[in-house]
Amino acid sequence: MVDEERLNAFIVEAKSQTYVANGMRLPSSRAGSHDIGYARGEWRYLDSYFGGTDFAGQAVIWFMGEPIWAMNYFGRITDTQLIDASKAGCVIKAALMHLYIDHKRFLGGLEFDHAFGRYTDRNIGTSSHFSGQENIEVGGTVAYELDYRGGLVVA
């Protein structure tokens, strides 16, 4: 089993190099999927999702060729009059980059103000088992929401 501190460090490293950094797109692993990956040494990360404005996906980490951690998520724009996918993406990328780079973590919650809205993340648990929700409020109204959960996967 991988040390949780090393796992957390790789999760933050991989996440900061993929979606929020406009990381390298990979060929679709499944018909219609959008895939972004990252690898270093014995570690490999793949984030694979479907959709756009409303989307669902899964991120997986392999260590020494074995899957050890996974997270699934579903997000959607709840009020298209207040925010569109492009603006929501800007808010999310800025907030997550702040979390990964400045705080060097991916769990623990966050509130982040952006010109397009206020990003909030709330979660419980540790990288071994967690769940949470992120949202963007515009003028006090939730305009975007995403639910996620994940943890260690044991064969």
C-alpha atoms as a PDB file:
ATOM      1  CA  MET A   1       0.000   0.000   0.000  1.00  0.00           C
ATOM      2  CA  VAL A   2       1.225   3.493  -0.851  1.00  0.00           C
ATOM      3  CA  ASP A   3       1.886   6.001   1.910  1.00  0.00           C
ATOM      4  CA  GLU A   4      -1.024   8.497   2.077  1.00  0.00           C
ATOM      5  CA  GLU A   5       1.354  11.476   2.222  1.00  0.00           C
ATOM      6  CA  ARG A   6       3.042  10.381  -1.014  1.00  0.00           C
ATOM      7  CA  LEU A   7      -0.359   9.741  -2.589  1.00  0.00           C
ATOM      8  CA  ASN A   8      -1.613  13.223  -1.620  1.00  0.00           C
ATOM      9  CA  ALA A   9       1.530  14.820  -3.023  1.00  0.00           C
ATOM     10  CA  PHE A  10       1.079  13.012  -6.342  1.00  0.00           C
ATOM     11  CA  ILE A  11      -2.647  13.837  -6.523  1.00  0.00           C
ATOM     12  CA  VAL A  12      -1.845  17.548  -6.119  1.00  0.00           C
ATOM     13  CA  GLU A  13       1.033  17.323  -8.618  1.00  0.00           C
ATOM     14  CA  ALA A  14      -1.057  15.491 -11.220  1.00  0.00           C
ATOM     15  CA  LYS A  15      -4.132  17.675 -10.834  1.00  0.00           C
ATOM     16  CA  SER A  16      -2.047  20.848 -11.073  1.00  0.00           C
ATOM     17  CA  GLN A  17      -0.516  19.595 -14.354  1.00  0.00           C
ATOM     18  CA  THR A  18      -3.726  18.458 -16.071  1.00  0.00           C
ATOM     19  CA  TYR A  19      -7.133  20.181 -16.156  1.00  0.00           C
ATOM     20  CA  VAL A  20      -6.197  23.451 -14.427  1.00  0.00           C
ATOM     21  CA  ALA A  21      -2.999  23.807 -16.497  1.00  0.00           C
ATOM     22  CA  ASN A  22      -4.704  22.914 -19.799  1.00  0.00           C
ATOM     23  CA  GLY A  23      -2.596  19.759 -19.785  1.00  0.00           C
ATOM     24  CA  MET A  24      -1.898  17.475 -22.691  1.00  0.00           C
ATOM     25  CA  ARG A  25      -5.013  15.885 -24.163  1.00  0.00           C
ATOM     26  CA  LEU A  26      -4.750  12.160 -24.747  1.00  0.00           C
ATOM     27  CA  PRO A  27      -6.558  10.002 -27.277  1.00  0.00           C
ATOM     28  CA  SER A  28     -10.000   8.978 -26.006  1.00  0.00           C
ATOM     29  CA  SER A  29      -9.829   5.877 -23.845  1.00  0.00           C
ATOM     30  CA  ARG A  30     -13.559   5.320 -24.424  1.00  0.00           C
ATOM     31  CA  ALA A  31     -15.795   6.471 -27.272  1.00  0.00           C
ATOM     32  CA  GLY A  32     -16.582  10.158 -26.763  1.00  0.00           C
ATOM     33  CA  SER A  33     -14.389  10.703 -23.707  1.00  0.00           C
ATOM     34  CA  HIS A  34     -12.104  13.671 -23.116  1.00  0.00           C
ATOM     35  CA  ASP A  35      -8.887  12.411 -21.514  1.00  0.00           C
ATOM     36  CA  ILE A  36      -6.065  14.270 -19.784  1.00  0.00           C
ATOM     37  CA  GLY A  37      -3.139  12.424 -18.237  1.00  0.00           C
ATOM     38  CA  TYR A  38       0.069  12.843 -16.310  1.00  0.00           C
ATOM     39  CA  ALA A  39       2.856  10.444 -15.340  1.00  0.00           C
ATOM     40  CA  ARG A  40       6.024  10.551 -13.271  1.00  0.00           C
ATOM     41  CA  GLY A  41       8.153   7.513 -12.522  1.00  0.00           C
ATOM     42  CA  GLU A  42       5.971   4.677 -11.212  1.00  0.00           C
ATOM     43  CA  TRP A  43       2.945   6.994 -10.919  1.00  0.00           C
ATOM     44  CA  ARG A  44       0.252   7.536 -13.555  1.00  0.00           C
ATOM     45  CA  TYR A  45      -2.892   9.711 -13.502  1.00  0.00           C
ATOM     46  CA  LEU A  46      -5.797   9.763 -15.950  1.00  0.00           C
ATOM     47  CA  ASP A  47      -8.812  12.071 -15.843  1.00  0.00           C
ATOM     48  CA  SER A  48     -11.476  10.935 -18.309  1.00  0.00           C
ATOM     49  CA  TYR A  49     -14.823  12.709 -18.680  1.00  0.00           C
ATOM     50  CA  PHE A  50     -17.858  13.006 -20.938  1.00  0.00           C
ATOM     51  CA  GLY A  51     -19.920  16.057 -21.809  1.00  0.00           C
ATOM     52  CA  GLY A  52     -19.315  19.767 -21.603  1.00  0.00           C
ATOM     53  CA  THR A  53     -21.759  22.082 -19.834  1.00  0.00           C
ATOM     54  CA  ASP A  54     -23.099  19.037 -17.979  1.00  0.00           C
ATOM     55  CA  PHE A  55     -20.400  16.404 -17.532  1.00  0.00           C
ATOM     56  CA  ALA A  56     -19.392  13.254 -15.685  1.00  0.00           C
ATOM     57  CA  GLY A  57     -15.981  11.751 -15.202  1.00  0.00           C
ATOM     58  CA  GLN A  58     -13.490   9.718 -13.275  1.00  0.00           C
ATOM     59  CA  ALA A  59      -9.894  10.274 -12.262  1.00  0.00           C
ATOM     60  CA  VAL A  60      -7.680   7.262 -11.503  1.00  0.00           C
ATOM     61  CA  ILE A  61      -4.148   6.895 -10.132  1.00  0.00           C
ATOM     62  CA  TRP A  62      -1.955   3.869 -10.793  1.00  0.00           C
ATOM     63  CA  PHE A  63       1.199   3.093  -8.832  1.00  0.00           C
ATOM     64  CA  MET A  64       3.590   0.502 -10.278  1.00  0.00           C
ATOM     65  CA  GLY A  65       0.905  -0.448 -12.821  1.00  0.00           C
ATOM     66  CA  GLU A  66      -1.832  -1.099 -10.233  1.00  0.00           C
ATOM     67  CA  PRO A  67      -4.891   1.132  -9.764  1.00  0.00           C
ATOM     68  CA  ILE A  68      -4.774   2.458  -6.190  1.00  0.00           C
ATOM     69  CA  TRP A  69      -7.067   5.511  -6.077  1.00  0.00           C
ATOM     70  CA  ALA A  70     -10.119   6.792  -7.930  1.00  0.00           C
ATOM     71  CA  MET A  71     -12.538   9.695  -7.843  1.00  0.00           C
ATOM     72  CA  ASN A  72     -15.778  10.172  -9.757  1.00  0.00           C
ATOM     73  CA  TYR A  73     -17.672  13.394 -10.340  1.00  0.00           C
ATOM     74  CA  PHE A  74     -20.737  14.939 -11.971  1.00  0.00           C
ATOM     75  CA  GLY A  75     -21.060  18.669 -12.626  1.00  0.00           C
ATOM     76  CA  ARG A  76     -23.545  20.961 -14.306  1.00  0.00           C
ATOM     77  CA  ILE A  77     -24.506  24.558 -14.919  1.00  0.00           C
ATOM     78  CA  THR A  78     -27.662  25.133 -12.847  1.00  0.00           C
ATOM     79  CA  ASP A  79     -28.440  28.640 -14.109  1.00  0.00           C
ATOM     80  CA  THR A  80     -27.365  29.475 -17.664  1.00  0.00           C
ATOM     81  CA  GLN A  81     -28.597  33.064 -17.221  1.00  0.00           C
ATOM     82  CA  LEU A  82     -25.873  33.649 -14.592  1.00  0.00           C
ATOM     83  CA  ILE A  83     -22.880  31.725 -15.933  1.00  0.00           C
ATOM     84  CA  ASP A  84     -21.826  29.742 -18.987  1.00  0.00           C
ATOM     85  CA  ALA A  85     -19.383  26.844 -19.272  1.00  0.00           C
ATOM     86  CA  SER A  86     -16.491  29.087 -20.328  1.00  0.00           C
ATOM     87  CA  LYS A  87     -16.835  31.433 -17.341  1.00  0.00           C
ATOM     88  CA  ALA A  88     -17.405  28.531 -14.938  1.00  0.00           C
ATOM     89  CA  GLY A  89     -14.224  26.901 -16.272  1.00  0.00           C
ATOM     90  CA  CYS A  90     -12.261  30.109 -15.639  1.00  0.00           C
ATOM     91  CA  VAL A  91     -13.479  30.268 -12.029  1.00  0.00           C
ATOM     92  CA  ILE A  92     -12.805  26.580 -11.377  1.00  0.00           C
ATOM     93  CA  LYS A  93      -9.317  26.605 -12.901  1.00  0.00           C
ATOM     94  CA  ALA A  94      -8.299  29.726 -10.942  1.00  0.00           C
ATOM     95  CA  ALA A  95      -9.680  28.361  -7.662  1.00  0.00           C
ATOM     96  CA  LEU A  96      -8.134  24.911  -8.064  1.00  0.00           C
ATOM     97  CA  MET A  97      -4.770  26.300  -9.147  1.00  0.00           C
ATOM     98  CA  HIS A  98      -4.816  28.409  -5.974  1.00  0.00           C
ATOM     99  CA  LEU A  99      -5.643  25.298  -3.920  1.00  0.00           C
ATOM    100  CA  TYR A 100      -3.008  23.069  -5.538  1.00  0.00           C
ATOM    101  CA  ILE A 101      -0.150  25.560  -5.885  1.00  0.00           C
ATOM    102  CA  ASP A 102      -0.616  27.843  -2.871  1.00  0.00           C
ATOM    103  CA  HIS A 103      -2.052  25.323  -0.394  1.00  0.00           C
ATOM    104  CA  LYS A 104      -0.504  22.115  -1.820  1.00  0.00           C
ATOM    105  CA  ARG A 105      -3.646  20.078  -1.156  1.00  0.00           C
ATOM    106  CA  PHE A 106      -6.758  18.897  -2.955  1.00  0.00           C
ATOM    107  CA  LEU A 107      -9.101  18.362   0.017  1.00  0.00           C
ATOM    108  CA  GLY A 108      -9.918  20.570   2.970  1.00  0.00           C
ATOM    109  CA  GLY A 109     -12.374  22.990   1.462  1.00  0.00           C
ATOM    110  CA  LEU A 110     -11.931  26.362  -0.166  1.00  0.00           C
ATOM    111  CA  GLU A 111     -13.700  29.663  -0.717  1.00  0.00           C
ATOM    112  CA  PHE A 112     -12.377  31.720  -3.620  1.00  0.00           C
ATOM    113  CA  ASP A 113     -13.663  34.952  -5.108  1.00  0.00           C
ATOM    114  CA  HIS A 114     -13.373  35.525  -8.840  1.00  0.00           C
ATOM    115  CA  ALA A 115     -14.777  38.208 -11.152  1.00  0.00           C
ATOM    116  CA  PHE A 116     -17.258  35.644 -12.555  1.00  0.00           C
ATOM    117  CA  GLY A 117     -18.443  34.256  -9.200  1.00  0.00           C
ATOM    118  CA  ARG A 118     -17.641  32.870  -5.765  1.00  0.00           C
ATOM    119  CA  TYR A 119     -16.236  29.322  -5.773  1.00  0.00           C
ATOM    120  CA  THR A 120     -16.884  27.153  -2.722  1.00  0.00           C
ATOM    121  CA  ASP A 121     -15.706  23.615  -2.049  1.00  0.00           C
ATOM    122  CA  ARG A 122     -16.849  21.573   0.939  1.00  0.00           C
ATOM    123  CA  ASN A 123     -15.785  17.999   1.610  1.00  0.00           C
ATOM    124  CA  ILE A 124     -15.343  15.375   4.284  1.00  0.00           C
ATOM    125  CA  GLY A 125     -12.786  12.616   4.686  1.00  0.00           C
ATOM    126  CA  THR A 126      -9.218  12.091   3.571  1.00  0.00           C
ATOM    127  CA  SER A 127      -7.727  10.873   0.302  1.00  0.00           C
ATOM    128  CA  SER A 128      -8.449   7.300   1.435  1.00  0.00           C
ATOM    129  CA  HIS A 129     -12.243   7.976   1.435  1.00  0.00           C
ATOM    130  CA  PHE A 130     -13.920  11.318   0.763  1.00  0.00           C
ATOM    131  CA  SER A 131     -16.929  13.088  -0.684  1.00  0.00           C
ATOM    132  CA  GLY A 132     -17.698  16.691  -1.429  1.00  0.00           C
ATOM    133  CA  GLN A 133     -19.348  19.350  -3.498  1.00  0.00           C
ATOM    134  CA  GLU A 134     -18.065  22.422  -5.284  1.00  0.00           C
ATOM    135  CA  ASN A 135     -20.246  25.243  -6.501  1.00  0.00           C
ATOM    136  CA  ILE A 136     -20.110  28.705  -7.982  1.00  0.00           C
ATOM    137  CA  GLU A 137     -22.458  31.378  -6.752  1.00  0.00           C
ATOM    138  CA  VAL A 138     -23.244  34.449  -8.801  1.00  0.00           C
ATOM    139  CA  GLY A 139     -25.044  37.205  -6.929  1.00  0.00           C
ATOM    140  CA  GLY A 140     -25.838  34.792  -4.093  1.00  0.00           C
ATOM    141  CA  THR A 141     -27.431  32.170  -6.393  1.00  0.00           C
ATOM    142  CA  VAL A 142     -25.809  28.802  -7.126  1.00  0.00           C
ATOM    143  CA  ALA A 143     -25.145  28.776 -10.873  1.00  0.00           C
ATOM    144  CA  TYR A 144     -22.864  25.698 -11.073  1.00  0.00           C
ATOM    145  CA  GLU A 145     -22.510  22.568  -8.948  1.00  0.00           C
ATOM    146  CA  LEU A 146     -20.367  19.450  -8.920  1.00  0.00           C
ATOM    147  CA  ASP A 147     -20.533  16.411  -6.633  1.00  0.00           C
ATOM    148  CA  TYR A 148     -17.513  14.147  -6.165  1.00  0.00           C
ATOM    149  CA  ARG A 149     -16.401  11.154  -4.136  1.00  0.00           C
ATOM    150  CA  GLY A 150     -13.499   8.776  -4.104  1.00  0.00           C
ATOM    151  CA  GLY A 151     -10.716   7.066  -2.258  1.00  0.00           C
ATOM    152  CA  LEU A 152      -8.383   4.113  -2.254  1.00  0.00           C
ATOM    153  CA  VAL A 153      -9.269   1.128  -4.384  1.00  0.00           C
ATOM    154  CA  VAL A 154      -8.070  -2.203  -3.069  1.00  0.00           C
ATOM    155  CA  ALA A 155      -7.916  -5.383  -5.113  1.00  0.00           C
END
